[in-house]
């Protein structure tokens, strides 16, 4: 079954958006190897608030809130584009904000992949995965990840948030 088909089945079983978001990260973990993953939505203060997590993410990392343009995830919100940094130990590419690696399990991240969650033209949040290995994600992984993010964003799960 495809992600879209399985997601529709999950939506039919539960109306809890956090449960669907956590399920989505678990589904991704069956196709892409990663250490931790998270989905964050923009709150009323225009800060990214973690609403679902999977894998190794400690409480300190869960409490990090970024604004539009801050860190990689905030940059994804500001630009509306996916960012994949294959090695956070190397200098960030031109025009990409540096990662926030000073907190908790964020210190362990080496590869980082983050996509916007868009409803129409509006970015409502981000989905991200990371790895302790450099160059952890292939082009096929990035394409699948972007496809899942787009499907999730248009599923209606963010309509009431």
N, C-alpha and C. Protein backbone atom coordinates (compact mmCIF):
# COMPACT_ATOMS: atom_id res chain seq x y z
N UNK A 1 0.84 -1.19 0.00
CA UNK A 1 0.00 0.00 0.00
C UNK A 1 0.88 1.25 0.00
N UNK A 2 0.38 2.30 -0.59
CA UNK A 2 1.11 3.56 -0.62
C UNK A 2 0.89 4.33 0.67
N UNK A 3 1.73 5.33 0.89
CA UNK A 3 1.57 6.17 2.08
C UNK A 3 0.19 6.81 2.11
N UNK A 4 -0.25 7.34 0.98
CA UNK A 4 -1.54 8.01 0.92
C UNK A 4 -2.68 7.06 1.32
N UNK A 5 -2.66 5.84 0.81
CA UNK A 5 -3.69 4.86 1.13
C UNK A 5 -3.66 4.51 2.62
N UNK A 6 -2.47 4.25 3.14
CA UNK A 6 -2.35 3.91 4.56
C UNK A 6 -2.74 5.09 5.44
N UNK A 7 -2.39 6.31 5.02
CA UNK A 7 -2.75 7.49 5.81
C UNK A 7 -4.27 7.66 5.86
N UNK A 8 -4.93 7.43 4.75
CA UNK A 8 -6.39 7.54 4.73
C UNK A 8 -7.02 6.54 5.70
N UNK A 9 -6.45 5.34 5.77
CA UNK A 9 -6.94 4.34 6.71
C UNK A 9 -6.71 4.80 8.15
N UNK A 10 -5.57 5.42 8.41
CA UNK A 10 -5.29 5.94 9.75
C UNK A 10 -6.26 7.07 10.11
N UNK A 11 -6.54 7.94 9.16
CA UNK A 11 -7.49 9.03 9.39
C UNK A 11 -8.88 8.49 9.71
N UNK A 12 -9.25 7.38 9.10
CA UNK A 12 -10.56 6.78 9.36
C UNK A 12 -10.63 6.18 10.76
N UNK A 13 -9.47 5.75 11.31
CA UNK A 13 -9.44 5.14 12.64
C UNK A 13 -9.39 6.13 13.78
N UNK A 14 -8.81 7.30 13.53
CA UNK A 14 -8.61 8.26 14.62
C UNK A 14 -8.68 9.68 14.10
N UNK A 15 -9.27 10.55 14.88
CA UNK A 15 -9.32 11.97 14.53
C UNK A 15 -8.27 12.76 15.31
N UNK A 16 -7.43 12.06 16.09
CA UNK A 16 -6.38 12.71 16.88
C UNK A 16 -5.20 13.06 15.96
N UNK A 17 -4.97 14.35 15.69
CA UNK A 17 -3.91 14.71 14.75
C UNK A 17 -2.52 14.30 15.23
N UNK A 18 -2.27 14.37 16.53
CA UNK A 18 -0.94 14.00 17.04
C UNK A 18 -0.66 12.51 16.80
N UNK A 19 -1.69 11.70 16.90
CA UNK A 19 -1.53 10.28 16.65
C UNK A 19 -1.17 10.01 15.18
N UNK A 20 -1.83 10.71 14.26
CA UNK A 20 -1.53 10.56 12.85
C UNK A 20 -0.11 11.04 12.55
N UNK A 21 0.31 12.13 13.17
CA UNK A 21 1.65 12.65 12.92
C UNK A 21 2.71 11.67 13.42
N UNK A 22 2.52 11.11 14.61
CA UNK A 22 3.46 10.12 15.14
C UNK A 22 3.48 8.87 14.25
N UNK A 23 2.30 8.45 13.79
CA UNK A 23 2.22 7.30 12.88
C UNK A 23 3.02 7.58 11.60
N UNK A 24 2.92 8.81 11.08
CA UNK A 24 3.63 9.18 9.86
C UNK A 24 5.14 9.01 10.04
N UNK A 25 5.67 9.48 11.16
CA UNK A 25 7.10 9.33 11.41
C UNK A 25 7.49 7.86 11.51
N UNK A 26 6.64 7.06 12.15
CA UNK A 26 6.89 5.62 12.23
C UNK A 26 6.86 4.97 10.85
N UNK A 27 5.93 5.39 10.01
CA UNK A 27 5.85 4.87 8.65
C UNK A 27 7.14 5.19 7.89
N UNK A 28 7.63 6.42 8.04
CA UNK A 28 8.87 6.82 7.37
C UNK A 28 10.05 5.96 7.84
N UNK A 29 10.07 5.63 9.14
CA UNK A 29 11.18 4.86 9.70
C UNK A 29 11.25 3.45 9.10
N UNK A 30 10.18 2.99 8.51
CA UNK A 30 10.20 1.69 7.85
C UNK A 30 10.87 1.77 6.47
N UNK A 31 10.99 2.98 5.93
CA UNK A 31 11.57 3.15 4.59
C UNK A 31 12.91 3.88 4.59
N UNK A 32 13.15 4.70 5.61
CA UNK A 32 14.37 5.51 5.69
C UNK A 32 14.98 5.28 7.08
N UNK A 33 16.27 5.01 7.14
CA UNK A 33 16.93 4.85 8.43
C UNK A 33 17.29 6.23 8.97
N UNK A 34 16.78 6.55 10.17
CA UNK A 34 17.13 7.81 10.82
C UNK A 34 17.13 7.63 12.33
N UNK A 35 17.80 8.55 13.02
CA UNK A 35 17.92 8.50 14.48
C UNK A 35 16.68 9.08 15.15
N UNK A 36 16.28 10.25 14.70
CA UNK A 36 15.14 10.92 15.29
C UNK A 36 14.37 11.68 14.24
N UNK A 37 13.10 11.87 14.49
CA UNK A 37 12.26 12.63 13.57
C UNK A 37 11.26 13.43 14.37
N UNK A 38 10.81 14.53 13.79
CA UNK A 38 9.84 15.37 14.49
C UNK A 38 8.98 16.12 13.48
N UNK A 39 7.80 16.47 13.96
CA UNK A 39 6.90 17.35 13.22
C UNK A 39 6.58 18.50 14.15
N UNK A 40 6.73 19.70 13.62
CA UNK A 40 6.45 20.90 14.41
C UNK A 40 5.49 21.78 13.62
N UNK A 41 4.63 22.46 14.33
CA UNK A 41 3.71 23.39 13.68
C UNK A 41 4.00 24.80 14.17
N UNK A 42 3.64 25.77 13.37
CA UNK A 42 3.78 27.16 13.80
C UNK A 42 2.67 27.48 14.78
N UNK A 43 3.04 28.01 15.95
CA UNK A 43 2.03 28.37 16.94
C UNK A 43 1.60 29.82 16.75
N UNK A 44 0.78 30.33 17.65
CA UNK A 44 0.25 31.69 17.52
C UNK A 44 1.33 32.75 17.63
N UNK A 45 2.50 32.40 18.15
CA UNK A 45 3.62 33.34 18.27
C UNK A 45 4.61 33.20 17.12
N UNK A 46 4.22 32.44 16.08
CA UNK A 46 5.06 32.19 14.91
C UNK A 46 6.34 31.45 15.28
N UNK A 47 6.23 30.56 16.30
CA UNK A 47 7.33 29.71 16.70
C UNK A 47 6.98 28.27 16.37
N UNK A 48 8.00 27.50 16.04
CA UNK A 48 7.78 26.08 15.76
C UNK A 48 7.63 25.33 17.08
N UNK A 49 6.50 24.67 17.22
CA UNK A 49 6.18 23.89 18.42
C UNK A 49 6.14 22.42 18.04
N UNK A 50 6.94 21.61 18.72
CA UNK A 50 6.97 20.19 18.44
C UNK A 50 5.63 19.55 18.79
N UNK A 51 5.04 18.83 17.83
CA UNK A 51 3.74 18.17 18.07
C UNK A 51 3.80 16.66 17.92
N UNK A 52 4.90 16.14 17.37
CA UNK A 52 5.07 14.69 17.26
C UNK A 52 6.56 14.41 17.13
N UNK A 53 6.98 13.30 17.72
CA UNK A 53 8.39 12.92 17.65
C UNK A 53 8.51 11.41 17.56
N UNK A 54 9.64 10.97 17.04
CA UNK A 54 9.91 9.55 16.87
C UNK A 54 11.40 9.34 17.05
N UNK A 55 11.79 8.30 17.76
CA UNK A 55 13.20 7.98 17.92
C UNK A 55 13.85 8.75 19.05
N UNK A 56 15.14 9.01 18.91
CA UNK A 56 15.94 9.63 19.96
C UNK A 56 15.84 11.15 19.94
N UNK A 57 14.96 11.67 20.77
CA UNK A 57 14.85 13.12 20.96
C UNK A 57 14.57 13.32 22.45
N UNK A 58 15.52 13.93 23.16
CA UNK A 58 15.34 14.10 24.60
C UNK A 58 14.48 15.34 24.90
N UNK A 59 14.15 15.51 26.18
CA UNK A 59 13.28 16.62 26.59
C UNK A 59 13.87 17.98 26.27
N UNK A 60 15.18 18.13 26.43
CA UNK A 60 15.81 19.43 26.13
C UNK A 60 15.63 19.79 24.66
N UNK A 61 15.84 18.83 23.77
CA UNK A 61 15.67 19.08 22.34
C UNK A 61 14.20 19.33 22.01
N UNK A 62 13.29 18.64 22.70
CA UNK A 62 11.86 18.82 22.45
C UNK A 62 11.39 20.23 22.81
N UNK A 63 12.05 20.86 23.76
CA UNK A 63 11.63 22.20 24.21
C UNK A 63 12.15 23.34 23.34
N UNK A 64 13.04 23.05 22.41
CA UNK A 64 13.59 24.10 21.55
C UNK A 64 12.47 24.66 20.67
N UNK A 65 12.35 25.99 20.66
CA UNK A 65 11.37 26.65 19.80
C UNK A 65 12.13 27.62 18.90
N UNK A 66 11.92 27.48 17.62
CA UNK A 66 12.57 28.35 16.65
C UNK A 66 11.53 29.22 15.97
N UNK A 67 11.94 30.43 15.65
CA UNK A 67 11.09 31.33 14.89
C UNK A 67 11.45 31.22 13.41
N UNK A 68 10.59 31.77 12.60
CA UNK A 68 10.84 31.85 11.15
C UNK A 68 12.23 32.44 10.91
N UNK A 69 13.05 31.70 10.14
CA UNK A 69 14.39 32.17 9.82
C UNK A 69 15.47 31.72 10.79
N UNK A 70 15.12 31.16 11.94
CA UNK A 70 16.11 30.70 12.92
C UNK A 70 16.42 29.22 12.70
N UNK A 71 17.70 28.90 12.66
CA UNK A 71 18.11 27.51 12.46
C UNK A 71 17.63 26.99 11.11
N UNK A 72 17.89 25.73 10.87
CA UNK A 72 17.51 25.15 9.58
C UNK A 72 15.99 25.07 9.45
N UNK A 73 15.31 24.60 10.51
CA UNK A 73 13.86 24.46 10.43
C UNK A 73 13.19 25.82 10.21
N UNK A 74 13.66 26.84 10.90
CA UNK A 74 13.11 28.18 10.71
C UNK A 74 13.37 28.71 9.32
N UNK A 75 14.51 28.31 8.74
CA UNK A 75 14.83 28.68 7.37
C UNK A 75 13.89 27.99 6.39
N UNK A 76 13.54 26.74 6.68
CA UNK A 76 12.58 26.00 5.84
C UNK A 76 11.23 26.71 5.87
N UNK A 77 10.82 27.18 7.05
CA UNK A 77 9.56 27.92 7.16
C UNK A 77 9.64 29.20 6.33
N UNK A 78 10.75 29.93 6.45
CA UNK A 78 10.89 31.21 5.75
C UNK A 78 10.93 31.06 4.24
N UNK A 79 11.57 29.99 3.75
CA UNK A 79 11.74 29.83 2.31
C UNK A 79 10.67 28.94 1.67
N UNK A 80 10.05 28.08 2.49
CA UNK A 80 9.07 27.13 1.94
C UNK A 80 9.71 26.03 1.13
N UNK A 81 11.02 25.79 1.34
CA UNK A 81 11.74 24.77 0.57
C UNK A 81 12.40 23.77 1.50
N UNK A 82 12.53 22.54 1.01
CA UNK A 82 13.25 21.49 1.73
C UNK A 82 14.73 21.84 1.82
N UNK A 83 15.31 21.55 2.97
CA UNK A 83 16.76 21.69 3.13
C UNK A 83 17.30 20.35 3.62
N UNK A 84 18.32 19.86 2.91
CA UNK A 84 19.06 18.69 3.35
C UNK A 84 20.50 19.10 3.55
N UNK A 85 20.97 19.00 4.77
CA UNK A 85 22.38 19.24 5.05
C UNK A 85 23.00 17.89 5.40
N UNK A 86 23.83 17.35 4.50
CA UNK A 86 24.36 16.01 4.70
C UNK A 86 25.43 15.91 5.79
N UNK A 87 26.01 17.05 6.21
CA UNK A 87 27.03 17.00 7.26
C UNK A 87 27.06 18.32 8.01
N UNK A 88 26.44 18.33 9.17
CA UNK A 88 26.38 19.55 9.97
C UNK A 88 27.73 19.93 10.57
N UNK A 89 28.72 19.05 10.47
CA UNK A 89 30.06 19.39 10.94
C UNK A 89 30.81 20.26 9.93
N UNK A 90 30.31 20.31 8.71
CA UNK A 90 30.88 21.21 7.70
C UNK A 90 30.13 22.54 7.78
N UNK A 91 30.74 23.62 7.29
CA UNK A 91 30.03 24.91 7.29
C UNK A 91 28.71 24.80 6.52
N UNK A 92 27.69 25.51 7.00
CA UNK A 92 26.38 25.49 6.34
C UNK A 92 26.51 26.08 4.94
N UNK A 93 25.74 25.52 3.99
CA UNK A 93 25.75 26.08 2.63
C UNK A 93 25.31 27.55 2.66
N UNK A 94 25.74 28.31 1.66
CA UNK A 94 25.38 29.72 1.57
C UNK A 94 23.87 29.90 1.62
N UNK A 95 23.43 30.83 2.43
CA UNK A 95 22.01 31.14 2.52
C UNK A 95 21.23 30.23 3.46
N UNK A 96 21.91 29.27 4.10
CA UNK A 96 21.23 28.35 5.02
C UNK A 96 21.69 28.66 6.44
N UNK A 97 20.74 28.88 7.33
CA UNK A 97 21.07 29.15 8.71
C UNK A 97 21.76 27.95 9.34
N UNK A 98 22.61 28.21 10.30
CA UNK A 98 23.29 27.12 11.01
C UNK A 98 22.29 26.35 11.86
N UNK A 99 22.58 25.08 12.08
CA UNK A 99 21.72 24.23 12.90
C UNK A 99 21.89 24.58 14.38
N UNK A 100 20.82 24.36 15.15
CA UNK A 100 20.86 24.55 16.59
C UNK A 100 21.29 23.22 17.21
N UNK A 101 22.60 23.06 17.42
CA UNK A 101 23.13 21.78 17.90
C UNK A 101 23.65 21.88 19.33
N UNK A 102 23.27 22.89 20.06
CA UNK A 102 23.82 23.08 21.40
C UNK A 102 22.98 22.45 22.50
N UNK A 103 21.87 21.81 22.15
CA UNK A 103 20.92 21.33 23.15
C UNK A 103 20.71 19.82 23.04
N UNK A 104 20.84 19.13 24.16
CA UNK A 104 20.46 17.72 24.27
C UNK A 104 20.91 16.85 23.12
N UNK A 105 19.99 16.00 22.66
CA UNK A 105 20.32 15.05 21.59
C UNK A 105 20.57 15.74 20.25
N UNK A 106 20.26 17.03 20.14
CA UNK A 106 20.61 17.77 18.92
C UNK A 106 22.12 17.76 18.69
N UNK A 107 22.90 17.62 19.77
CA UNK A 107 24.37 17.59 19.65
C UNK A 107 24.85 16.41 18.82
N UNK A 108 24.04 15.35 18.76
CA UNK A 108 24.44 14.12 18.07
C UNK A 108 24.13 14.13 16.58
N UNK A 109 23.36 15.11 16.12
CA UNK A 109 22.91 15.14 14.72
C UNK A 109 24.07 15.45 13.79
N UNK A 110 24.16 14.69 12.72
CA UNK A 110 25.18 14.93 11.70
C UNK A 110 24.52 15.25 10.36
N UNK A 111 23.52 14.44 9.93
CA UNK A 111 22.75 14.71 8.72
C UNK A 111 21.36 15.18 9.13
N UNK A 112 20.84 16.16 8.41
CA UNK A 112 19.56 16.75 8.79
C UNK A 112 18.74 17.03 7.53
N UNK A 113 17.49 16.55 7.53
CA UNK A 113 16.58 16.73 6.40
C UNK A 113 15.28 17.33 6.92
N UNK A 114 14.87 18.45 6.34
CA UNK A 114 13.68 19.15 6.83
C UNK A 114 12.86 19.67 5.64
N UNK A 115 11.55 19.38 5.66
CA UNK A 115 10.64 19.84 4.60
C UNK A 115 9.52 20.68 5.20
N UNK A 116 9.05 21.66 4.41
CA UNK A 116 7.91 22.44 4.88
C UNK A 116 6.62 21.64 4.78
N UNK A 117 5.70 21.94 5.65
CA UNK A 117 4.34 21.42 5.56
C UNK A 117 3.49 22.59 5.10
N UNK A 118 3.02 22.53 3.86
CA UNK A 118 2.29 23.64 3.26
C UNK A 118 0.82 23.31 3.07
N UNK A 119 -0.01 24.25 3.46
CA UNK A 119 -1.43 24.20 3.16
C UNK A 119 -1.67 25.36 2.19
N UNK A 120 -1.90 25.03 0.94
CA UNK A 120 -1.93 26.06 -0.10
C UNK A 120 -0.53 26.64 -0.23
N UNK A 121 -0.43 27.96 -0.19
CA UNK A 121 0.88 28.62 -0.26
C UNK A 121 1.45 28.91 1.12
N UNK A 122 0.73 28.56 2.17
CA UNK A 122 1.13 28.91 3.53
C UNK A 122 1.85 27.74 4.21
N UNK A 123 3.03 28.02 4.76
CA UNK A 123 3.77 27.01 5.53
C UNK A 123 3.17 26.99 6.93
N UNK A 124 2.70 25.82 7.36
CA UNK A 124 2.07 25.68 8.68
C UNK A 124 2.98 24.95 9.66
N UNK A 125 4.07 24.38 9.16
CA UNK A 125 4.99 23.67 10.03
C UNK A 125 6.08 23.01 9.22
N UNK A 126 6.82 22.11 9.88
CA UNK A 126 7.90 21.39 9.23
C UNK A 126 7.91 19.94 9.70
N UNK A 127 8.49 19.09 8.89
CA UNK A 127 8.76 17.72 9.27
C UNK A 127 10.26 17.52 9.06
N UNK A 128 10.92 16.88 10.04
CA UNK A 128 12.35 16.69 9.93
C UNK A 128 12.77 15.32 10.41
N UNK A 129 13.86 14.84 9.84
CA UNK A 129 14.52 13.62 10.31
C UNK A 129 16.01 13.90 10.37
N UNK A 130 16.71 13.12 11.20
CA UNK A 130 18.14 13.33 11.32
C UNK A 130 18.86 12.02 11.57
N UNK A 131 20.18 12.08 11.44
CA UNK A 131 21.00 10.90 11.62
C UNK A 131 22.32 11.29 12.27
N UNK A 132 22.93 10.37 12.97
CA UNK A 132 24.26 10.59 13.55
C UNK A 132 25.36 10.40 12.51
N UNK A 133 24.99 9.89 11.33
CA UNK A 133 25.95 9.64 10.25
C UNK A 133 25.94 10.78 9.24
N UNK A 134 27.09 11.10 8.71
CA UNK A 134 27.17 12.06 7.60
C UNK A 134 26.62 11.40 6.34
N UNK A 135 26.06 12.20 5.45
CA UNK A 135 25.54 11.73 4.16
C UNK A 135 24.57 10.55 4.32
N UNK A 136 23.69 10.65 5.30
CA UNK A 136 22.81 9.53 5.65
C UNK A 136 21.65 9.31 4.68
N UNK A 137 21.27 10.34 3.94
CA UNK A 137 20.05 10.24 3.14
C UNK A 137 20.37 10.36 1.65
N UNK A 138 19.82 9.42 0.88
CA UNK A 138 20.02 9.40 -0.57
C UNK A 138 19.03 10.34 -1.25
N UNK A 139 19.22 10.54 -2.54
CA UNK A 139 18.26 11.34 -3.32
C UNK A 139 16.88 10.70 -3.27
N UNK A 140 16.83 9.37 -3.31
CA UNK A 140 15.53 8.67 -3.23
C UNK A 140 14.88 8.89 -1.86
N UNK A 141 15.68 8.90 -0.79
CA UNK A 141 15.16 9.19 0.55
C UNK A 141 14.56 10.59 0.60
N UNK A 142 15.27 11.55 0.04
CA UNK A 142 14.80 12.95 0.04
C UNK A 142 13.50 13.06 -0.74
N UNK A 143 13.42 12.42 -1.88
CA UNK A 143 12.20 12.47 -2.71
C UNK A 143 11.02 11.85 -1.97
N UNK A 144 11.22 10.69 -1.34
CA UNK A 144 10.15 10.06 -0.58
C UNK A 144 9.72 10.96 0.58
N UNK A 145 10.68 11.50 1.29
CA UNK A 145 10.41 12.37 2.44
C UNK A 145 9.57 13.58 2.01
N UNK A 146 9.96 14.23 0.93
CA UNK A 146 9.22 15.39 0.43
C UNK A 146 7.80 15.01 0.02
N UNK A 147 7.65 13.85 -0.59
CA UNK A 147 6.33 13.38 -1.01
C UNK A 147 5.43 13.13 0.21
N UNK A 148 5.98 12.50 1.24
CA UNK A 148 5.20 12.25 2.46
C UNK A 148 4.82 13.57 3.12
N UNK A 149 5.75 14.52 3.18
CA UNK A 149 5.45 15.83 3.78
C UNK A 149 4.33 16.53 3.03
N UNK A 150 4.37 16.50 1.71
CA UNK A 150 3.33 17.15 0.91
C UNK A 150 1.97 16.48 1.11
N UNK A 151 1.96 15.16 1.14
CA UNK A 151 0.71 14.43 1.34
C UNK A 151 0.14 14.70 2.73
N UNK A 152 1.01 14.68 3.72
CA UNK A 152 0.57 14.94 5.09
C UNK A 152 -0.01 16.35 5.22
N UNK A 153 0.66 17.33 4.65
CA UNK A 153 0.21 18.71 4.76
C UNK A 153 -1.16 18.93 4.14
N UNK A 154 -1.46 18.22 3.06
CA UNK A 154 -2.73 18.42 2.38
C UNK A 154 -3.80 17.45 2.86
N UNK A 155 -3.50 16.64 3.87
CA UNK A 155 -4.45 15.64 4.38
C UNK A 155 -5.60 16.24 5.18
N UNK A 156 -5.46 17.48 5.60
CA UNK A 156 -6.47 18.11 6.43
C UNK A 156 -6.16 18.04 7.91
N UNK A 157 -5.08 17.36 8.29
CA UNK A 157 -4.73 17.21 9.70
C UNK A 157 -4.40 18.57 10.35
N UNK A 158 -3.95 19.54 9.57
CA UNK A 158 -3.61 20.84 10.12
C UNK A 158 -4.75 21.86 10.02
N UNK A 159 -5.88 21.45 9.52
CA UNK A 159 -7.00 22.37 9.29
C UNK A 159 -7.50 23.04 10.56
N UNK A 160 -7.55 22.31 11.66
CA UNK A 160 -8.08 22.88 12.91
C UNK A 160 -7.01 23.47 13.81
N UNK A 161 -5.76 23.45 13.37
CA UNK A 161 -4.69 23.97 14.22
C UNK A 161 -4.36 25.36 13.87
